[in-house]
Amino acid sequence: MIHSAPLVLPVCADPVRDGAVALKGDRVVEVGTRDSVTASFPAAEELRWTGMIVAGLIDARATASAPGSAAGPGVTARAGVVSDLAEPPGVPGISYVEVTSASEEEWETHGRDAVITAIREVDRPCAVGIAAHTPDPQVLEDVAVLARTFGLRLLVDLDRHSPAALDEAGVLGPLCHVAVTRPLDPGERKLLRLRKTVVTVCASPAPDVLALLDEGNTVALGTGAPGGPTGRPTGGTGGVLGVARGIRQHARELGLRTRGLDCRLVTAATLGGARALGMDRGKGRIGSLAPGTRADFAVFDARGRYPYAALLAQPPCLGTVVGGTILPAA
């Protein structure tokens, strides 16, 4: 199957004018100009879209956790905090079971066993993580050990814990990503960078996003702010792109240097989210379009000389493809 459009945005490579993406099952096999891709697969069926094909957006701290809830325009994967791992995941990604034990005693009595039982019974073990929402530092330490033991990813809200406290508990690291709505000081940004922990920005305006990007932190975007399993929506009806647009607008209002910011924000909304979920490498990786990636992308009614800016204008989403399957437009 070939999907073609006037513009293809692979994220991991330069935009392709009059481009195409060839799929086989749930994987991408080729990305390039329409002429080259159709020549490589002359017998393939072609679906011609208007506008722009872009690698699927990733909500790295999702707002909603209810079964069947909408993922947002163009979102093909998300990190959702759930209270019950039996809930249908909706779109692919990682379901983070919430740990809220207020004390070590409560955790020892029933919290740990409940989490372990939920993890063992779930039928998608590679797509499960732990959202550490406990206020107790001892429970945090045990959660970190539990995550390493089971090979699970961790999600922590920095509105609940400081990076220093998380580091002392052994939570930070490449298997963890943090969600933040507040400014981070230079020391906090450096610690997260040294620990290779992805920072998911869940608010716009977010005053230090440019500092995070300039200093080398990996940034992702999310729509759910801290405050429970679902949080509170921060991107409005625009979802992940709404957060990105708010960041850009705020930077311009402050008179900050924004050269290349549109591209970096789109990268945060795609490849940055994949890195937050640990799904940016190997076969079936997400967040970009290239041979071997999962066939996840969205199509937006966007045109223009500057494709990243056109995408941040939040054009209508014409359709979403997840694992090679076309879903209705959000």
C-alpha atoms as a PDB file:
ATOM      1  CA  MET A   1       0.000   0.000   0.000  1.00  0.00           C
ATOM      2  CA  ILE A   2       1.293   3.467  -0.888  1.00  0.00           C
ATOM      3  CA  HIS A   3       0.115   6.674   0.769  1.00  0.00           C
ATOM      4  CA  SER A   4       1.112   9.840  -1.078  1.00  0.00           C
ATOM      5  CA  ALA A   5       0.604  13.565  -0.541  1.00  0.00           C
ATOM      6  CA  PRO A   6       1.956  16.914  -1.751  1.00  0.00           C
ATOM      7  CA  LEU A   7       4.188  16.910   1.339  1.00  0.00           C
ATOM      8  CA  VAL A   8       5.602  14.196   3.602  1.00  0.00           C
ATOM      9  CA  LEU A   9       7.187  15.086   6.959  1.00  0.00           C
ATOM     10  CA  PRO A  10       9.247  12.067   8.132  1.00  0.00           C
ATOM     11  CA  VAL A  11      10.720  14.044  11.125  1.00  0.00           C
ATOM     12  CA  CYS A  12      13.934  11.980  11.023  1.00  0.00           C
ATOM     13  CA  ALA A  13      14.712  13.431   7.582  1.00  0.00           C
ATOM     14  CA  ASP A  14      13.996  16.553   5.557  1.00  0.00           C
ATOM     15  CA  PRO A  15      10.468  17.193   4.248  1.00  0.00           C
ATOM     16  CA  VAL A  16       9.698  15.515   0.924  1.00  0.00           C
ATOM     17  CA  ARG A  17       7.716  17.485  -1.645  1.00  0.00           C
ATOM     18  CA  ASP A  18       5.288  15.328  -3.638  1.00  0.00           C
ATOM     19  CA  GLY A  19       6.223  12.449  -1.373  1.00  0.00           C
ATOM     20  CA  ALA A  20       4.980   8.971  -0.589  1.00  0.00           C
ATOM     21  CA  VAL A  21       5.161   6.292   2.106  1.00  0.00           C
ATOM     22  CA  ALA A  22       5.054   2.602   1.167  1.00  0.00           C
ATOM     23  CA  LEU A  23       3.665   0.181   3.764  1.00  0.00           C
ATOM     24  CA  LYS A  24       3.747  -3.584   4.116  1.00  0.00           C
ATOM     25  CA  GLY A  25       1.445  -4.718   6.887  1.00  0.00           C
ATOM     26  CA  ASP A  26       2.109  -2.563   9.941  1.00  0.00           C
ATOM     27  CA  ARG A  27       5.579  -1.384   8.858  1.00  0.00           C
ATOM     28  CA  VAL A  28       7.009   1.300   6.600  1.00  0.00           C
ATOM     29  CA  VAL A  29       9.209  -0.089   3.825  1.00  0.00           C
ATOM     30  CA  GLU A  30      10.111   3.091   1.915  1.00  0.00           C
ATOM     31  CA  VAL A  31       9.781   6.873   2.155  1.00  0.00           C
ATOM     32  CA  GLY A  32      10.667   9.187  -0.705  1.00  0.00           C
ATOM     33  CA  THR A  33       9.310  11.066  -3.660  1.00  0.00           C
ATOM     34  CA  ARG A  34       6.117   9.765  -5.150  1.00  0.00           C
ATOM     35  CA  ASP A  35       7.864   8.900  -8.405  1.00  0.00           C
ATOM     36  CA  SER A  36      10.587   6.859  -6.714  1.00  0.00           C
ATOM     37  CA  VAL A  37       8.252   4.997  -4.346  1.00  0.00           C
ATOM     38  CA  THR A  38       5.692   4.101  -7.025  1.00  0.00           C
ATOM     39  CA  ALA A  39       8.533   2.941  -9.283  1.00  0.00           C
ATOM     40  CA  SER A  40       9.773   0.637  -6.498  1.00  0.00           C
ATOM     41  CA  PHE A  41       6.307  -0.855  -5.981  1.00  0.00           C
ATOM     42  CA  PRO A  42       4.510  -0.642  -9.351  1.00  0.00           C
ATOM     43  CA  ALA A  43       1.771  -3.107  -8.341  1.00  0.00           C
ATOM     44  CA  ALA A  44       0.912  -1.411  -5.047  1.00  0.00           C
ATOM     45  CA  GLU A  45      -2.401   0.332  -4.490  1.00  0.00           C
ATOM     46  CA  GLU A  46      -1.997   4.085  -3.960  1.00  0.00           C
ATOM     47  CA  LEU A  47      -4.074   6.307  -1.725  1.00  0.00           C
ATOM     48  CA  ARG A  48      -3.591   9.954  -2.612  1.00  0.00           C
ATOM     49  CA  TRP A  49      -4.126  12.456   0.203  1.00  0.00           C
ATOM     50  CA  THR A  50      -4.359  16.210   0.066  1.00  0.00           C
ATOM     51  CA  GLY A  51      -2.192  18.221   2.437  1.00  0.00           C
ATOM     52  CA  MET A  52       0.617  16.750   4.544  1.00  0.00           C
ATOM     53  CA  ILE A  53       1.558  13.291   5.810  1.00  0.00           C
ATOM     54  CA  VAL A  54       3.462  13.571   9.099  1.00  0.00           C
ATOM     55  CA  ALA A  55       4.835  10.993  11.515  1.00  0.00           C
ATOM     56  CA  GLY A  56       2.219  10.219  14.168  1.00  0.00           C
ATOM     57  CA  LEU A  57       2.009  12.606  17.115  1.00  0.00           C
ATOM     58  CA  ILE A  58       2.738  11.206  20.589  1.00  0.00           C
ATOM     59  CA  ASP A  59       1.080  12.457  23.746  1.00  0.00           C
ATOM     60  CA  ALA A  60       3.713  11.715  26.383  1.00  0.00           C
ATOM     61  CA  ARG A  61       1.417  12.578  29.308  1.00  0.00           C
ATOM     62  CA  ALA A  62      -2.137  11.980  28.169  1.00  0.00           C
ATOM     63  CA  THR A  63      -5.159  13.738  29.606  1.00  0.00           C
ATOM     64  CA  ALA A  64      -7.742  10.976  29.402  1.00  0.00           C
ATOM     65  CA  SER A  65      -7.626   7.409  30.655  1.00  0.00           C
ATOM     66  CA  ALA A  66     -11.206   6.314  30.178  1.00  0.00           C
ATOM     67  CA  PRO A  67     -11.773   3.308  27.920  1.00  0.00           C
ATOM     68  CA  GLY A  68     -12.290   4.326  24.332  1.00  0.00           C
ATOM     69  CA  SER A  69     -11.440   7.965  25.004  1.00  0.00           C
ATOM     70  CA  ALA A  70     -10.255  10.070  22.086  1.00  0.00           C
ATOM     71  CA  ALA A  71      -6.514  10.470  21.731  1.00  0.00           C
ATOM     72  CA  GLY A  72      -6.538  13.899  20.074  1.00  0.00           C
ATOM     73  CA  PRO A  73      -5.944  15.045  16.483  1.00  0.00           C
ATOM     74  CA  GLY A  74      -3.150  13.078  14.821  1.00  0.00           C
ATOM     75  CA  VAL A  75      -2.100  11.214  17.977  1.00  0.00           C
ATOM     76  CA  THR A  76      -1.032   7.630  17.277  1.00  0.00           C
ATOM     77  CA  ALA A  77       0.524   6.737  20.660  1.00  0.00           C
ATOM     78  CA  ARG A  78       0.317   8.040  24.201  1.00  0.00           C
ATOM     79  CA  ALA A  79       1.424   7.580  27.781  1.00  0.00           C
ATOM     80  CA  GLY A  80      -1.827   7.176  29.694  1.00  0.00           C
ATOM     81  CA  VAL A  81      -2.129   6.975  33.485  1.00  0.00           C
ATOM     82  CA  VAL A  82      -4.712   4.357  34.477  1.00  0.00           C
ATOM     83  CA  SER A  83      -6.144   2.983  37.678  1.00  0.00           C
ATOM     84  CA  ASP A  84      -6.917  -0.393  36.079  1.00  0.00           C
ATOM     85  CA  LEU A  85      -4.642  -2.060  33.519  1.00  0.00           C
ATOM     86  CA  ALA A  86      -7.624  -4.060  32.265  1.00  0.00           C
ATOM     87  CA  GLU A  87      -8.893  -0.899  30.586  1.00  0.00           C
ATOM     88  CA  PRO A  88      -8.576  -1.038  26.786  1.00  0.00           C
ATOM     89  CA  PRO A  89      -5.495   0.978  25.772  1.00  0.00           C
ATOM     90  CA  GLY A  90      -7.278   2.825  22.921  1.00  0.00           C
ATOM     91  CA  VAL A  91      -4.273   3.828  20.842  1.00  0.00           C
ATOM     92  CA  PRO A  92      -0.890   2.090  21.249  1.00  0.00           C
ATOM     93  CA  GLY A  93       1.632   3.355  23.743  1.00  0.00           C
ATOM     94  CA  ILE A  94       2.196   2.682  27.421  1.00  0.00           C
ATOM     95  CA  SER A  95      -0.400   2.376  30.193  1.00  0.00           C
ATOM     96  CA  TYR A  96       1.052   3.568  33.501  1.00  0.00           C
ATOM     97  CA  VAL A  97      -0.529   2.014  36.581  1.00  0.00           C
ATOM     98  CA  GLU A  98      -0.823   4.621  39.311  1.00  0.00           C
ATOM     99  CA  VAL A  99       0.903   4.197  42.684  1.00  0.00           C
ATOM    100  CA  THR A 100      -0.623   6.547  45.261  1.00  0.00           C
ATOM    101  CA  SER A 101       0.270   4.893  48.606  1.00  0.00           C
ATOM    102  CA  ALA A 102       0.580   7.694  51.153  1.00  0.00           C
ATOM    103  CA  SER A 103       2.919   5.783  53.454  1.00  0.00           C
ATOM    104  CA  GLU A 104       5.332   2.865  53.480  1.00  0.00           C
ATOM    105  CA  GLU A 105       2.911   0.945  55.712  1.00  0.00           C
ATOM    106  CA  GLU A 106       0.070   1.336  53.219  1.00  0.00           C
ATOM    107  CA  TRP A 107       2.386   0.282  50.382  1.00  0.00           C
ATOM    108  CA  GLU A 108       3.635  -2.780  52.279  1.00  0.00           C
ATOM    109  CA  THR A 109       0.122  -3.789  53.348  1.00  0.00           C
ATOM    110  CA  HIS A 110      -1.567  -3.912  49.968  1.00  0.00           C
ATOM    111  CA  GLY A 111      -0.128  -1.415  47.483  1.00  0.00           C
ATOM    112  CA  ARG A 112       2.862  -3.426  46.238  1.00  0.00           C
ATOM    113  CA  ASP A 113       0.944  -6.686  45.864  1.00  0.00           C
ATOM    114  CA  ALA A 114      -1.844  -4.939  43.960  1.00  0.00           C
ATOM    115  CA  VAL A 115       0.619  -3.419  41.474  1.00  0.00           C
ATOM    116  CA  ILE A 116       2.534  -6.669  40.979  1.00  0.00           C
ATOM    117  CA  THR A 117      -0.700  -8.603  40.460  1.00  0.00           C
ATOM    118  CA  ALA A 118      -1.929  -6.073  37.905  1.00  0.00           C
ATOM    119  CA  ILE A 119       1.370  -6.208  36.009  1.00  0.00           C
ATOM    120  CA  ARG A 120       1.466 -10.008  35.948  1.00  0.00           C
ATOM    121  CA  GLU A 121      -2.111 -10.327  34.745  1.00  0.00           C
ATOM    122  CA  VAL A 122      -1.981  -7.761  31.966  1.00  0.00           C
ATOM    123  CA  ASP A 123      -1.847  -9.206  28.453  1.00  0.00           C
ATOM    124  CA  ARG A 124       0.462  -6.494  27.103  1.00  0.00           C
ATOM    125  CA  PRO A 125       3.495  -6.546  29.451  1.00  0.00           C
ATOM    126  CA  CYS A 126       5.741  -4.579  27.090  1.00  0.00           C
ATOM    127  CA  ALA A 127       3.309  -1.673  27.151  1.00  0.00           C
ATOM    128  CA  VAL A 128       3.030  -1.202  30.908  1.00  0.00           C
ATOM    129  CA  GLY A 129       4.722   1.265  33.250  1.00  0.00           C
ATOM    130  CA  ILE A 130       4.348   2.753  36.720  1.00  0.00           C
ATOM    131  CA  ALA A 131       3.214   6.308  37.453  1.00  0.00           C
ATOM    132  CA  ALA A 132       4.861   7.162  40.775  1.00  0.00           C
ATOM    133  CA  HIS A 133       2.312   9.483  42.415  1.00  0.00           C
ATOM    134  CA  THR A 134       3.214   8.554  45.987  1.00  0.00           C
ATOM    135  CA  PRO A 135       4.400  11.331  48.328  1.00  0.00           C
ATOM    136  CA  ASP A 136       6.489   8.915  50.438  1.00  0.00           C
ATOM    137  CA  PRO A 137      10.237   8.754  49.592  1.00  0.00           C
ATOM    138  CA  GLN A 138      10.572   5.149  50.823  1.00  0.00           C
ATOM    139  CA  VAL A 139       7.743   4.044  48.554  1.00  0.00           C
ATOM    140  CA  LEU A 140       9.414   5.899  45.695  1.00  0.00           C
ATOM    141  CA  GLU A 141      12.601   3.897  46.253  1.00  0.00           C
ATOM    142  CA  ASP A 142      10.712   0.610  46.253  1.00  0.00           C
ATOM    143  CA  VAL A 143       8.795   1.601  43.123  1.00  0.00           C
ATOM    144  CA  ALA A 144      12.098   2.300  41.363  1.00  0.00           C
ATOM    145  CA  VAL A 145      13.403  -1.150  42.346  1.00  0.00           C
ATOM    146  CA  LEU A 146      10.133  -2.743  41.232  1.00  0.00           C
ATOM    147  CA  ALA A 147      10.301  -1.031  37.855  1.00  0.00           C
ATOM    148  CA  ARG A 148      13.881  -2.186  37.270  1.00  0.00           C
ATOM    149  CA  THR A 149      13.012  -5.728  38.348  1.00  0.00           C
ATOM    150  CA  PHE A 150      10.128  -6.021  35.896  1.00  0.00           C
ATOM    151  CA  GLY A 151      11.737  -3.894  33.174  1.00  0.00           C
ATOM    152  CA  LEU A 152       8.992  -1.259  33.351  1.00  0.00           C
ATOM    153  CA  ARG A 153       9.092   2.399  32.482  1.00  0.00           C
ATOM    154  CA  LEU A 154       8.429   5.123  35.050  1.00  0.00           C
ATOM    155  CA  LEU A 155       6.447   8.352  34.779  1.00  0.00           C
ATOM    156  CA  VAL A 156       6.690  11.031  37.470  1.00  0.00           C
ATOM    157  CA  ASP A 157       5.115  14.476  37.750  1.00  0.00           C
ATOM    158  CA  LEU A 158       7.601  17.149  38.839  1.00  0.00           C
ATOM    159  CA  ASP A 159       4.752  19.085  40.443  1.00  0.00           C
ATOM    160  CA  ARG A 160       4.840  16.338  43.084  1.00  0.00           C
ATOM    161  CA  HIS A 161       8.596  15.758  43.488  1.00  0.00           C
ATOM    162  CA  SER A 162      11.800  17.650  42.817  1.00  0.00           C
ATOM    163  CA  PRO A 163      14.377  16.101  40.452  1.00  0.00           C
ATOM    164  CA  ALA A 164      16.854  15.916  43.370  1.00  0.00           C
ATOM    165  CA  ALA A 165      14.408  13.888  45.482  1.00  0.00           C
ATOM    166  CA  LEU A 166      13.671  11.587  42.569  1.00  0.00           C
ATOM    167  CA  ASP A 167      17.364  11.088  41.911  1.00  0.00           C
ATOM    168  CA  GLU A 168      18.004  10.258  45.561  1.00  0.00           C
ATOM    169  CA  ALA A 169      15.241   7.624  45.360  1.00  0.00           C
ATOM    170  CA  GLY A 170      16.803   6.100  42.243  1.00  0.00           C
ATOM    171  CA  VAL A 171      13.879   7.005  40.017  1.00  0.00           C
ATOM    172  CA  LEU A 172      15.602   9.135  37.365  1.00  0.00           C
ATOM    173  CA  GLY A 173      17.310   7.528  34.394  1.00  0.00           C
ATOM    174  CA  PRO A 174      16.752   6.612  30.739  1.00  0.00           C
ATOM    175  CA  LEU A 175      13.789   4.369  31.676  1.00  0.00           C
ATOM    176  CA  CYS A 176      11.966   7.316  33.272  1.00  0.00           C
ATOM    177  CA  HIS A 177      10.339  10.413  31.876  1.00  0.00           C
ATOM    178  CA  VAL A 178       9.011  13.333  33.873  1.00  0.00           C
ATOM    179  CA  ALA A 179       6.026  15.599  33.289  1.00  0.00           C
ATOM    180  CA  VAL A 180       6.301  19.269  34.185  1.00  0.00           C
ATOM    181  CA  THR A 181       4.178  22.404  34.135  1.00  0.00           C
ATOM    182  CA  ARG A 182       6.508  24.659  36.137  1.00  0.00           C
ATOM    183  CA  PRO A 183       9.836  26.294  35.257  1.00  0.00           C
ATOM    184  CA  LEU A 184      12.950  24.257  36.026  1.00  0.00           C
ATOM    185  CA  ASP A 185      16.074  25.934  37.334  1.00  0.00           C
ATOM    186  CA  PRO A 186      19.442  25.340  35.585  1.00  0.00           C
ATOM    187  CA  GLY A 187      20.491  22.740  38.158  1.00  0.00           C
ATOM    188  CA  GLU A 188      17.286  20.744  37.685  1.00  0.00           C
ATOM    189  CA  ARG A 189      17.600  20.836  33.917  1.00  0.00           C
ATOM    190  CA  LYS A 190      21.223  19.678  34.152  1.00  0.00           C
ATOM    191  CA  LEU A 191      20.388  16.796  36.488  1.00  0.00           C
ATOM    192  CA  LEU A 192      17.648  15.544  34.184  1.00  0.00           C
ATOM    193  CA  ARG A 193      19.996  15.864  31.223  1.00  0.00           C
ATOM    194  CA  LEU A 194      22.784  13.961  32.976  1.00  0.00           C
ATOM    195  CA  ARG A 195      20.362  11.176  33.906  1.00  0.00           C
ATOM    196  CA  LYS A 196      19.077  11.047  30.298  1.00  0.00           C
ATOM    197  CA  THR A 197      15.526  11.564  31.519  1.00  0.00           C
ATOM    198  CA  VAL A 198      13.086  12.957  28.951  1.00  0.00           C
ATOM    199  CA  VAL A 199      11.194  16.085  30.032  1.00  0.00           C
ATOM    200  CA  THR A 200       7.546  16.159  28.967  1.00  0.00           C
ATOM    201  CA  VAL A 201       6.206  19.706  28.907  1.00  0.00           C
ATOM    202  CA  CYS A 202       2.505  19.785  29.771  1.00  0.00           C
ATOM    203  CA  ALA A 203       1.710  23.479  29.767  1.00  0.00           C
ATOM    204  CA  SER A 204       1.711  26.397  27.428  1.00  0.00           C
ATOM    205  CA  PRO A 205       3.077  28.878  27.959  1.00  0.00           C
ATOM    206  CA  ALA A 206       6.017  27.032  29.480  1.00  0.00           C
ATOM    207  CA  PRO A 207       8.720  29.631  30.096  1.00  0.00           C
ATOM    208  CA  ASP A 208      11.869  27.500  29.927  1.00  0.00           C
ATOM    209  CA  VAL A 209      11.229  25.193  26.958  1.00  0.00           C
ATOM    210  CA  LEU A 210      13.802  27.069  24.892  1.00  0.00           C
ATOM    211  CA  ALA A 211      16.368  26.634  27.668  1.00  0.00           C
ATOM    212  CA  LEU A 212      15.639  22.902  27.798  1.00  0.00           C
ATOM    213  CA  LEU A 213      16.066  22.603  24.032  1.00  0.00           C
ATOM    214  CA  ASP A 214      19.144  24.821  23.828  1.00  0.00           C
ATOM    215  CA  GLU A 215      20.890  23.006  26.673  1.00  0.00           C
ATOM    216  CA  GLY A 216      20.323  19.593  25.122  1.00  0.00           C
ATOM    217  CA  ASN A 217      17.489  18.096  27.158  1.00  0.00           C
ATOM    218  CA  THR A 218      15.226  15.760  25.216  1.00  0.00           C
ATOM    219  CA  VAL A 219      11.756  17.303  25.252  1.00  0.00           C
ATOM    220  CA  ALA A 220       8.371  15.692  24.658  1.00  0.00           C
ATOM    221  CA  LEU A 221       4.877  17.196  24.831  1.00  0.00           C
ATOM    222  CA  GLY A 222       1.805  16.132  26.789  1.00  0.00           C
ATOM    223  CA  THR A 223      -1.759  17.310  27.307  1.00  0.00           C
ATOM    224  CA  GLY A 224      -2.363  16.171  30.878  1.00  0.00           C
ATOM    225  CA  ALA A 225      -1.109  18.206  33.818  1.00  0.00           C
ATOM    226  CA  PRO A 226      -0.514  16.616  37.243  1.00  0.00           C
ATOM    227  CA  GLY A 227      -3.484  16.175  39.534  1.00  0.00           C
ATOM    228  CA  GLY A 228      -4.709  12.594  39.357  1.00  0.00           C
ATOM    229  CA  PRO A 229      -4.997   9.879  36.717  1.00  0.00           C
ATOM    230  CA  THR A 230      -6.458  12.141  34.082  1.00  0.00           C
ATOM    231  CA  GLY A 231      -4.877  15.416  35.100  1.00  0.00           C
ATOM    232  CA  ARG A 232      -6.379  18.499  33.560  1.00  0.00           C
ATOM    233  CA  PRO A 233      -6.202  19.290  29.851  1.00  0.00           C
ATOM    234  CA  THR A 234      -3.574  21.841  28.867  1.00  0.00           C
ATOM    235  CA  GLY A 235      -3.695  21.738  25.069  1.00  0.00           C
ATOM    236  CA  GLY A 236      -7.357  22.597  24.704  1.00  0.00           C
ATOM    237  CA  THR A 237      -9.007  21.145  21.621  1.00  0.00           C
ATOM    238  CA  GLY A 238      -5.684  21.347  19.814  1.00  0.00           C
ATOM    239  CA  GLY A 239      -4.112  18.558  21.845  1.00  0.00           C
ATOM    240  CA  VAL A 240      -0.364  18.113  21.455  1.00  0.00           C
ATOM    241  CA  LEU A 241      -0.166  20.637  18.614  1.00  0.00           C
ATOM    242  CA  GLY A 242      -2.063  23.103  20.808  1.00  0.00           C
ATOM    243  CA  VAL A 243       0.652  22.815  23.462  1.00  0.00           C
ATOM    244  CA  ALA A 244       3.350  23.317  20.811  1.00  0.00           C
ATOM    245  CA  ARG A 245       1.619  26.350  19.335  1.00  0.00           C
ATOM    246  CA  GLY A 246       1.208  27.911  22.773  1.00  0.00           C
ATOM    247  CA  ILE A 247       4.916  27.500  23.469  1.00  0.00           C
ATOM    248  CA  ARG A 248       5.864  29.162  20.192  1.00  0.00           C
ATOM    249  CA  GLN A 249       3.420  32.025  20.681  1.00  0.00           C
ATOM    250  CA  HIS A 250       4.676  32.682  24.208  1.00  0.00           C
ATOM    251  CA  ALA A 251       8.296  32.695  23.032  1.00  0.00           C
ATOM    252  CA  ARG A 252       7.476  35.267  20.383  1.00  0.00           C
ATOM    253  CA  GLU A 253       5.592  37.437  22.865  1.00  0.00           C
ATOM    254  CA  LEU A 254       8.694  37.468  25.068  1.00  0.00           C
ATOM    255  CA  GLY A 255      10.859  38.465  22.100  1.00  0.00           C
ATOM    256  CA  LEU A 256      12.969  35.303  22.397  1.00  0.00           C
ATOM    257  CA  ARG A 257      15.011  33.837  19.559  1.00  0.00           C
ATOM    258  CA  THR A 258      12.739  31.361  17.766  1.00  0.00           C
ATOM    259  CA  ARG A 259      14.784  30.357  14.715  1.00  0.00           C
ATOM    260  CA  GLY A 260      14.164  26.695  14.009  1.00  0.00           C
ATOM    261  CA  LEU A 261      11.691  26.466  16.909  1.00  0.00           C
ATOM    262  CA  ASP A 262       8.808  25.198  14.752  1.00  0.00           C
ATOM    263  CA  CYS A 263      10.863  22.190  13.641  1.00  0.00           C
ATOM    264  CA  ARG A 264      12.057  21.488  17.173  1.00  0.00           C
ATOM    265  CA  LEU A 265       8.525  21.592  18.562  1.00  0.00           C
ATOM    266  CA  VAL A 266       7.235  19.195  15.890  1.00  0.00           C
ATOM    267  CA  THR A 267      10.161  16.914  16.733  1.00  0.00           C
ATOM    268  CA  ALA A 268       9.206  17.112  20.421  1.00  0.00           C
ATOM    269  CA  ALA A 269       5.618  16.172  19.533  1.00  0.00           C
ATOM    270  CA  THR A 270       6.769  13.101  17.602  1.00  0.00           C
ATOM    271  CA  LEU A 271      10.267  11.719  18.111  1.00  0.00           C
ATOM    272  CA  GLY A 272      10.574  13.303  21.565  1.00  0.00           C
ATOM    273  CA  GLY A 273       7.441  11.466  22.656  1.00  0.00           C
ATOM    274  CA  ALA A 274       8.807   8.210  21.247  1.00  0.00           C
ATOM    275  CA  ARG A 275      11.955   8.664  23.343  1.00  0.00           C
ATOM    276  CA  ALA A 276       9.848   9.331  26.442  1.00  0.00           C
ATOM    277  CA  LEU A 277       8.096   5.999  25.910  1.00  0.00           C
ATOM    278  CA  GLY A 278      11.317   4.176  25.000  1.00  0.00           C
ATOM    279  CA  MET A 279       9.915   3.381  21.551  1.00  0.00           C
ATOM    280  CA  ASP A 280      12.303   5.336  19.349  1.00  0.00           C
ATOM    281  CA  ARG A 281      14.699   2.543  18.369  1.00  0.00           C
ATOM    282  CA  GLY A 282      14.679  -0.771  16.551  1.00  0.00           C
ATOM    283  CA  LYS A 283      12.091  -2.309  14.286  1.00  0.00           C
ATOM    284  CA  GLY A 284       8.591  -1.041  14.900  1.00  0.00           C
ATOM    285  CA  ARG A 285       9.862   2.216  16.394  1.00  0.00           C
ATOM    286  CA  ILE A 286       7.545   5.217  16.359  1.00  0.00           C
ATOM    287  CA  GLY A 287       7.834   9.010  16.139  1.00  0.00           C
ATOM    288  CA  SER A 288       9.315   9.085  12.633  1.00  0.00           C
ATOM    289  CA  LEU A 289       8.812   7.640   9.152  1.00  0.00           C
ATOM    290  CA  ALA A 290      11.606   5.485   7.696  1.00  0.00           C
ATOM    291  CA  PRO A 291      12.083   1.866   6.620  1.00  0.00           C
ATOM    292  CA  GLY A 292      11.332  -0.357   9.607  1.00  0.00           C
ATOM    293  CA  THR A 293       9.238   2.115  11.609  1.00  0.00           C
ATOM    294  CA  ARG A 294       5.697   1.246  12.584  1.00  0.00           C
ATOM    295  CA  ALA A 295       3.230   2.560  10.035  1.00  0.00           C
ATOM    296  CA  ASP A 296       1.892   5.353  12.253  1.00  0.00           C
ATOM    297  CA  PHE A 297       1.166   8.739  10.736  1.00  0.00           C
ATOM    298  CA  ALA A 298      -1.414  11.476  10.467  1.00  0.00           C
ATOM    299  CA  VAL A 299      -2.618  13.517   7.528  1.00  0.00           C
ATOM    300  CA  PHE A 300      -3.304  17.217   8.015  1.00  0.00           C
ATOM    301  CA  ASP A 301      -4.889  19.688   5.625  1.00  0.00           C
ATOM    302  CA  ALA A 302      -1.722  21.794   5.668  1.00  0.00           C
ATOM    303  CA  ARG A 303       0.102  23.482   2.828  1.00  0.00           C
ATOM    304  CA  GLY A 304       2.683  26.184   2.410  1.00  0.00           C
ATOM    305  CA  ARG A 305       6.320  26.965   1.997  1.00  0.00           C
ATOM    306  CA  TYR A 306       7.104  26.380   5.669  1.00  0.00           C
ATOM    307  CA  PRO A 307       5.711  22.938   6.595  1.00  0.00           C
ATOM    308  CA  TYR A 308       6.491  22.988  10.321  1.00  0.00           C
ATOM    309  CA  ALA A 309       4.851  26.377  10.762  1.00  0.00           C
ATOM    310  CA  ALA A 310       1.858  25.173   8.730  1.00  0.00           C
ATOM    311  CA  LEU A 311       1.469  22.197  11.072  1.00  0.00           C
ATOM    312  CA  LEU A 312       1.618  24.376  14.199  1.00  0.00           C
ATOM    313  CA  ALA A 313      -1.232  26.432  12.772  1.00  0.00           C
ATOM    314  CA  GLN A 314      -3.354  23.419  13.825  1.00  0.00           C
ATOM    315  CA  PRO A 315      -4.928  22.559  10.460  1.00  0.00           C
ATOM    316  CA  PRO A 316      -7.763  19.992  10.325  1.00  0.00           C
ATOM    317  CA  CYS A 317      -6.714  16.365  10.696  1.00  0.00           C
ATOM    318  CA  LEU A 318      -7.937  14.451   7.642  1.00  0.00           C
ATOM    319  CA  GLY A 319      -7.080  10.986   8.901  1.00  0.00           C
ATOM    320  CA  THR A 320      -4.819   8.901  11.101  1.00  0.00           C
ATOM    321  CA  VAL A 321      -3.035   5.649  10.302  1.00  0.00           C
ATOM    322  CA  VAL A 322      -2.004   3.381  13.204  1.00  0.00           C
ATOM    323  CA  GLY A 323      -0.100   0.208  12.417  1.00  0.00           C
ATOM    324  CA  GLY A 324      -1.113   0.549   8.782  1.00  0.00           C
ATOM    325  CA  THR A 325      -4.849   0.789   9.587  1.00  0.00           C
ATOM    326  CA  ILE A 326      -6.723   3.949   8.649  1.00  0.00           C
ATOM    327  CA  LEU A 327      -8.727   5.435  11.499  1.00  0.00           C
ATOM    328  CA  PRO A 328     -11.425   8.105  11.197  1.00  0.00           C
ATOM    329  CA  ALA A 329     -10.323  11.727  11.453  1.00  0.00           C
ATOM    330  CA  ALA A 330     -10.300  13.060  15.019  1.00  0.00           C
END
